[in-house]
Amino acid sequence: MSRVEILQEMQLVIQEQLDREDIVLTEATKLNDLGVDSIELMEFIINLEDEFPLEISDNTIDHMDKVSDLLDYLSEQLNNK
């Protein structure tokens, strides 16, 4: 799966979760700028785990600042399966 495809899926997940089609993710988007609180962010991660059958540890998330960090992780995990 390409980075572009993963990013598109991530965007669909957050748009559906928040019921907001106006959210546009880029690699430079900061996770804190998504307009979600910590619980909603964890729901986003859980939804991503469901969308891409893999597990993302809390420790991994704690070291992520931008969408590109999450994208790097997902891309690596999905392409190493």
N, C-alpha and C. Protein backbone atom coordinates (compact mmCIF):
# COMPACT_ATOMS: atom_id res chain seq x y z
N MET A 1 0.85 -1.17 0.00
CA MET A 1 0.00 0.00 0.00
C MET A 1 0.91 1.24 0.00
N SER A 2 0.62 2.18 -0.85
CA SER A 2 1.45 3.39 -0.96
C SER A 2 1.14 4.38 0.16
N ARG A 3 2.06 5.31 0.37
CA ARG A 3 1.86 6.36 1.39
C ARG A 3 0.61 7.18 1.08
N VAL A 4 0.39 7.46 -0.20
CA VAL A 4 -0.77 8.26 -0.60
C VAL A 4 -2.05 7.51 -0.24
N GLU A 5 -2.09 6.22 -0.49
CA GLU A 5 -3.29 5.42 -0.17
C GLU A 5 -3.51 5.36 1.34
N ILE A 6 -2.43 5.20 2.08
CA ILE A 6 -2.56 5.17 3.55
C ILE A 6 -3.06 6.51 4.06
N LEU A 7 -2.50 7.60 3.55
CA LEU A 7 -2.93 8.93 3.96
C LEU A 7 -4.41 9.15 3.64
N GLN A 8 -4.85 8.70 2.48
CA GLN A 8 -6.26 8.84 2.11
C GLN A 8 -7.15 8.06 3.06
N GLU A 9 -6.74 6.85 3.43
CA GLU A 9 -7.52 6.05 4.37
C GLU A 9 -7.55 6.71 5.75
N MET A 10 -6.40 7.25 6.17
CA MET A 10 -6.35 7.96 7.45
C MET A 10 -7.33 9.12 7.45
N GLN A 11 -7.36 9.86 6.36
CA GLN A 11 -8.25 11.01 6.27
C GLN A 11 -9.71 10.56 6.34
N LEU A 12 -10.05 9.50 5.64
CA LEU A 12 -11.42 8.98 5.69
C LEU A 12 -11.80 8.55 7.10
N VAL A 13 -10.88 7.93 7.80
CA VAL A 13 -11.14 7.46 9.16
C VAL A 13 -11.44 8.64 10.08
N ILE A 14 -10.62 9.68 10.03
CA ILE A 14 -10.83 10.83 10.93
C ILE A 14 -12.08 11.62 10.52
N GLN A 15 -12.34 11.72 9.23
CA GLN A 15 -13.55 12.41 8.78
C GLN A 15 -14.80 11.69 9.26
N GLU A 16 -14.78 10.37 9.15
CA GLU A 16 -15.94 9.58 9.59
C GLU A 16 -16.10 9.65 11.11
N GLN A 17 -15.00 9.53 11.81
CA GLN A 17 -15.05 9.56 13.27
C GLN A 17 -15.64 10.86 13.78
N LEU A 18 -15.20 11.98 13.20
CA LEU A 18 -15.65 13.29 13.66
C LEU A 18 -16.86 13.81 12.90
N ASP A 19 -17.30 13.05 11.90
CA ASP A 19 -18.41 13.46 11.05
C ASP A 19 -18.16 14.86 10.47
N ARG A 20 -16.92 15.02 9.93
CA ARG A 20 -16.50 16.30 9.34
C ARG A 20 -15.74 16.03 8.06
N GLU A 21 -16.38 16.29 6.95
CA GLU A 21 -15.74 16.04 5.66
C GLU A 21 -14.73 17.13 5.29
N ASP A 22 -14.69 18.22 6.05
CA ASP A 22 -13.79 19.33 5.72
C ASP A 22 -12.36 19.11 6.22
N ILE A 23 -12.11 18.05 6.98
CA ILE A 23 -10.77 17.78 7.48
C ILE A 23 -9.91 17.25 6.34
N VAL A 24 -8.76 17.92 6.15
CA VAL A 24 -7.81 17.50 5.13
C VAL A 24 -6.48 17.24 5.82
N LEU A 25 -5.99 16.00 5.70
CA LEU A 25 -4.71 15.65 6.29
C LEU A 25 -3.60 15.81 5.27
N THR A 26 -2.49 16.32 5.74
CA THR A 26 -1.25 16.31 4.96
C THR A 26 -0.19 15.72 5.87
N GLU A 27 0.95 15.41 5.31
CA GLU A 27 2.02 14.85 6.13
C GLU A 27 2.49 15.85 7.19
N ALA A 28 2.32 17.13 6.93
CA ALA A 28 2.76 18.17 7.87
C ALA A 28 1.75 18.45 8.98
N THR A 29 0.54 17.90 8.86
CA THR A 29 -0.48 18.14 9.88
C THR A 29 -0.01 17.60 11.22
N LYS A 30 -0.08 18.45 12.23
CA LYS A 30 0.27 18.00 13.59
C LYS A 30 -0.93 17.29 14.18
N LEU A 31 -0.67 16.21 14.88
CA LEU A 31 -1.76 15.45 15.49
C LEU A 31 -2.56 16.32 16.45
N ASN A 32 -1.89 17.24 17.13
CA ASN A 32 -2.58 18.15 18.06
C ASN A 32 -3.47 19.15 17.34
N ASP A 33 -3.25 19.34 16.04
CA ASP A 33 -4.03 20.30 15.26
C ASP A 33 -5.29 19.68 14.64
N LEU A 34 -5.56 18.42 14.95
CA LEU A 34 -6.74 17.77 14.40
C LEU A 34 -8.02 18.24 15.08
N GLY A 35 -7.88 18.97 16.16
CA GLY A 35 -9.06 19.46 16.87
C GLY A 35 -9.74 18.38 17.68
N VAL A 36 -8.94 17.43 18.17
CA VAL A 36 -9.48 16.34 18.97
C VAL A 36 -8.81 16.34 20.34
N ASP A 37 -9.54 15.87 21.32
CA ASP A 37 -8.93 15.72 22.64
C ASP A 37 -8.20 14.38 22.71
N SER A 38 -7.60 14.08 23.84
CA SER A 38 -6.80 12.86 23.95
C SER A 38 -7.64 11.59 23.77
N ILE A 39 -8.87 11.61 24.23
CA ILE A 39 -9.74 10.44 24.07
C ILE A 39 -10.09 10.24 22.59
N GLU A 40 -10.42 11.33 21.91
CA GLU A 40 -10.74 11.23 20.48
C GLU A 40 -9.51 10.80 19.67
N LEU A 41 -8.34 11.24 20.09
CA LEU A 41 -7.12 10.82 19.41
C LEU A 41 -6.92 9.31 19.57
N MET A 42 -7.15 8.81 20.76
CA MET A 42 -7.03 7.36 20.98
C MET A 42 -8.09 6.60 20.19
N GLU A 43 -9.29 7.14 20.06
CA GLU A 43 -10.32 6.52 19.23
C GLU A 43 -9.87 6.48 17.78
N PHE A 44 -9.21 7.55 17.33
CA PHE A 44 -8.67 7.60 15.98
C PHE A 44 -7.64 6.49 15.78
N ILE A 45 -6.77 6.32 16.74
CA ILE A 45 -5.75 5.26 16.65
C ILE A 45 -6.41 3.89 16.64
N ILE A 46 -7.40 3.68 17.49
CA ILE A 46 -8.12 2.40 17.51
C ILE A 46 -8.80 2.15 16.17
N ASN A 47 -9.41 3.19 15.61
CA ASN A 47 -10.05 3.05 14.30
C ASN A 47 -9.02 2.72 13.22
N LEU A 48 -7.83 3.31 13.32
CA LEU A 48 -6.77 2.98 12.36
C LEU A 48 -6.33 1.53 12.53
N GLU A 49 -6.25 1.07 13.78
CA GLU A 49 -5.88 -0.32 14.03
C GLU A 49 -6.90 -1.27 13.41
N ASP A 50 -8.17 -0.87 13.44
CA ASP A 50 -9.22 -1.68 12.82
C ASP A 50 -9.12 -1.63 11.30
N GLU A 51 -8.85 -0.45 10.76
CA GLU A 51 -8.77 -0.25 9.31
C GLU A 51 -7.58 -1.00 8.71
N PHE A 52 -6.45 -0.87 9.37
CA PHE A 52 -5.22 -1.55 8.95
C PHE A 52 -4.95 -2.59 10.04
N PRO A 53 -5.20 -3.84 9.77
CA PRO A 53 -5.13 -4.83 10.85
C PRO A 53 -3.73 -4.93 11.48
N LEU A 54 -3.48 -4.02 12.41
CA LEU A 54 -2.22 -4.01 13.14
C LEU A 54 -2.42 -3.32 14.46
N GLU A 55 -1.41 -3.40 15.31
CA GLU A 55 -1.49 -2.79 16.63
C GLU A 55 -0.50 -1.64 16.73
N ILE A 56 -0.94 -0.55 17.32
CA ILE A 56 -0.09 0.62 17.52
C ILE A 56 -0.02 0.85 19.03
N SER A 57 1.15 0.68 19.59
CA SER A 57 1.28 0.80 21.05
C SER A 57 1.18 2.25 21.50
N ASP A 58 0.78 2.42 22.75
CA ASP A 58 0.70 3.76 23.33
C ASP A 58 2.07 4.43 23.32
N ASN A 59 3.11 3.65 23.57
CA ASN A 59 4.47 4.18 23.58
C ASN A 59 4.84 4.72 22.19
N THR A 60 4.42 4.03 21.15
CA THR A 60 4.68 4.48 19.79
C THR A 60 3.98 5.80 19.53
N ILE A 61 2.73 5.90 19.92
CA ILE A 61 1.94 7.11 19.72
C ILE A 61 2.53 8.28 20.48
N ASP A 62 3.04 8.01 21.68
CA ASP A 62 3.63 9.08 22.49
C ASP A 62 4.80 9.78 21.81
N HIS A 63 5.43 9.11 20.86
CA HIS A 63 6.59 9.67 20.16
C HIS A 63 6.23 10.25 18.80
N MET A 64 4.95 10.40 18.54
CA MET A 64 4.50 10.94 17.26
C MET A 64 3.95 12.34 17.44
N ASP A 65 4.36 13.22 16.54
CA ASP A 65 3.93 14.61 16.61
C ASP A 65 3.07 14.98 15.41
N LYS A 66 3.43 14.45 14.24
CA LYS A 66 2.75 14.82 13.00
C LYS A 66 2.16 13.59 12.31
N VAL A 67 1.28 13.87 11.38
CA VAL A 67 0.68 12.81 10.58
C VAL A 67 1.78 12.02 9.87
N SER A 68 2.85 12.70 9.45
CA SER A 68 3.94 12.00 8.76
C SER A 68 4.57 10.93 9.65
N ASP A 69 4.65 11.16 10.96
CA ASP A 69 5.20 10.16 11.88
C ASP A 69 4.32 8.91 11.89
N LEU A 70 3.02 9.14 11.98
CA LEU A 70 2.07 8.03 11.96
C LEU A 70 2.09 7.33 10.61
N LEU A 71 2.18 8.10 9.57
CA LEU A 71 2.24 7.56 8.21
C LEU A 71 3.49 6.71 8.02
N ASP A 72 4.62 7.17 8.51
CA ASP A 72 5.87 6.40 8.43
C ASP A 72 5.68 5.04 9.11
N TYR A 73 5.11 5.07 10.30
CA TYR A 73 4.91 3.83 11.06
C TYR A 73 3.98 2.88 10.33
N LEU A 74 2.83 3.39 9.90
CA LEU A 74 1.86 2.54 9.20
C LEU A 74 2.44 1.97 7.91
N SER A 75 3.12 2.80 7.17
CA SER A 75 3.73 2.36 5.92
C SER A 75 4.74 1.24 6.16
N GLU A 76 5.58 1.44 7.16
CA GLU A 76 6.58 0.42 7.48
C GLU A 76 5.92 -0.89 7.91
N GLN A 77 4.93 -0.79 8.78
CA GLN A 77 4.26 -2.00 9.28
C GLN A 77 3.50 -2.74 8.18
N LEU A 78 2.80 -1.99 7.36
CA LEU A 78 1.99 -2.61 6.30
C LEU A 78 2.86 -3.21 5.20
N ASN A 79 3.96 -2.59 4.89
CA ASN A 79 4.81 -3.08 3.82
C ASN A 79 5.78 -4.16 4.27
N ASN A 80 5.85 -4.40 5.57
CA ASN A 80 6.70 -5.48 6.08
C ASN A 80 5.92 -6.75 6.39
N LYS A 81 4.65 -6.75 6.07
CA LYS A 81 3.82 -7.95 6.32
C LYS A 81 4.03 -8.97 5.25
